[in-house]
Amino acid sequence: MSVGELGCTYAALLLFDDGIPITAEKIATVVKAANISVESYWPSLFAKLFEKRDIEDLILTVGTGGGPAVAVAASPVGGGGGGAAAPAAEEKKEEMKEDSDEDLGLSLFD
C-alpha cells in the first residue's frame, strides 16, 4: 500500500469517526493538513468508494473476505439448511473420540 493510499484511508477513517461526510475535498484537506503528499486521484477514488460502500461494513467485514460470503455463511444458521451442518459436526466429534490414545492403550504415564 502506498503512502497516498494509506493517508487517504486514515483520512476517511478520521472523517467517519467524527461523523463528517466523506468527500474528496475533505479527504484532500485532511491529508494536506497531515503534510502527506498524495496523487490527485486518490481522494476522489476513496470518496467514490465510500459513496457506494458503507465504511462501517468494510471495517466489520475486514477478515471475512467481503459481504456476500458472510451472507452465504450466515444463511444456514437462520433456518432451513441448518439441519445438514449439525450431523457433519457430530461425525467429526465421533471421529476425534475414535482417535484418542485411550483406545490404543497408549499413555504418557504408563
Protein backbone atom coordinates (compact mmCIF):
# COMPACT_ATOMS: atom_id res chain seq x y z
CA MET A 1 0.00 0.00 0.00
CA SER A 2 1.44 3.37 -0.97
CA VAL A 3 1.72 6.36 1.32
CA GLY A 4 -1.07 8.08 -0.63
CA GLU A 5 -3.45 5.16 -0.18
CA LEU A 6 -2.64 4.87 3.49
CA GLY A 7 -3.05 8.60 4.03
CA CYS A 8 -6.46 8.60 2.33
CA THR A 9 -7.50 5.54 4.31
CA TYR A 10 -6.67 7.20 7.61
CA ALA A 11 -8.30 10.45 6.48
CA ALA A 12 -11.53 8.58 5.61
CA LEU A 13 -11.48 6.78 8.97
CA LEU A 14 -10.94 10.08 10.76
CA LEU A 15 -13.85 11.71 8.93
CA PHE A 16 -16.08 8.70 9.60
CA ASP A 17 -15.19 8.69 13.28
CA ASP A 18 -16.13 12.37 13.59
CA GLY A 19 -19.40 11.85 11.68
CA ILE A 20 -18.32 14.09 8.81
CA PRO A 21 -19.44 13.10 5.29
CA ILE A 22 -16.56 11.60 3.34
CA THR A 23 -15.88 13.65 0.21
CA ALA A 24 -12.82 14.04 -1.99
CA GLU A 25 -12.34 17.63 -0.84
CA LYS A 26 -12.42 16.71 2.84
CA ILE A 27 -10.06 13.76 2.35
CA ALA A 28 -7.66 16.06 0.47
CA THR A 29 -7.91 18.66 3.24
CA VAL A 30 -7.11 16.14 5.98
CA VAL A 31 -4.21 14.68 4.00
CA LYS A 32 -2.83 18.15 3.29
CA ALA A 33 -3.14 19.09 6.98
CA ALA A 34 -1.15 15.96 7.85
CA ASN A 35 1.55 17.12 5.41
CA ILE A 36 1.25 13.99 3.28
CA SER A 37 1.66 14.31 -0.48
CA VAL A 38 -0.72 12.11 -2.46
CA GLU A 39 -1.54 11.75 -6.11
CA SER A 40 -4.53 13.90 -7.02
CA TYR A 41 -6.73 10.92 -7.93
CA TRP A 42 -6.57 9.12 -4.55
CA PRO A 43 -9.03 11.33 -2.62
CA SER A 44 -11.64 11.09 -5.37
CA LEU A 45 -11.25 7.30 -5.63
CA PHE A 46 -11.74 6.91 -1.91
CA ALA A 47 -14.72 9.28 -1.91
CA LYS A 48 -16.36 7.27 -4.72
CA LEU A 49 -15.72 4.03 -2.83
CA PHE A 50 -17.43 5.35 0.29
CA GLU A 51 -20.38 6.62 -1.73
CA LYS A 52 -21.05 3.02 -2.79
CA ARG A 53 -19.92 1.10 0.31
CA ASP A 54 -20.56 1.89 3.95
CA ILE A 55 -17.26 2.31 5.77
CA GLU A 56 -18.64 0.63 8.89
CA ASP A 57 -19.47 -2.51 6.87
CA LEU A 58 -15.95 -2.54 5.47
CA ILE A 59 -14.49 -2.29 8.96
CA LEU A 60 -16.68 -5.05 10.35
CA THR A 61 -16.08 -7.47 7.46
CA VAL A 62 -12.36 -6.92 7.02
CA GLY A 63 -11.40 -10.51 7.86
CA THR A 64 -14.32 -12.28 6.27
CA GLY A 65 -13.48 -11.75 2.62
CA GLY A 66 -16.40 -9.45 1.82
CA GLY A 67 -20.11 -9.02 2.35
CA PRO A 68 -21.58 -11.77 0.14
CA ALA A 69 -19.52 -14.51 1.78
CA VAL A 70 -20.91 -13.51 5.16
CA ALA A 71 -24.47 -13.70 3.87
CA VAL A 72 -23.89 -17.16 2.42
CA ALA A 73 -22.24 -18.43 5.57
CA ALA A 74 -24.93 -16.96 7.80
CA SER A 75 -27.92 -18.27 5.85
CA PRO A 76 -27.78 -21.91 7.08
CA VAL A 77 -27.76 -20.75 10.69
CA GLY A 78 -31.01 -18.86 10.22
CA GLY A 79 -33.29 -21.71 9.32
CA GLY A 80 -33.86 -24.21 6.53
CA GLY A 81 -30.38 -25.52 5.81
CA GLY A 82 -29.14 -25.72 9.41
CA GLY A 83 -30.00 -29.40 9.88
CA ALA A 84 -27.43 -30.65 7.37
CA ALA A 85 -24.47 -28.98 9.10
CA ALA A 86 -25.18 -30.45 12.55
CA PRO A 87 -24.70 -34.15 11.62
CA ALA A 88 -21.40 -33.35 9.94
CA ALA A 89 -20.19 -31.72 13.15
CA GLU A 90 -21.32 -34.72 15.21
CA GLU A 91 -19.48 -37.12 12.89
CA LYS A 92 -16.31 -35.11 13.32
CA LYS A 93 -16.60 -35.28 17.11
CA GLU A 94 -17.12 -39.05 16.93
CA GLU A 95 -14.01 -39.43 14.76
CA MET A 96 -11.98 -37.47 17.28
CA LYS A 97 -13.09 -39.84 20.05
CA GLU A 98 -12.05 -42.87 17.98
CA ASP A 99 -8.55 -41.47 17.50
CA SER A 100 -7.85 -40.95 21.20
CA ASP A 101 -4.85 -42.67 22.86
CA GLU A 102 -7.08 -44.36 25.44
CA ASP A 103 -8.45 -46.73 22.82
CA LEU A 104 -4.93 -47.84 21.84
CA GLY A 105 -3.78 -48.42 25.39
CA LEU A 106 -1.04 -45.83 24.99
CA SER A 107 -0.44 -43.25 27.64
CA LEU A 108 2.31 -40.89 28.52
CA PHE A 109 2.34 -42.06 32.14
CA ASP A 110 2.24 -45.89 31.72
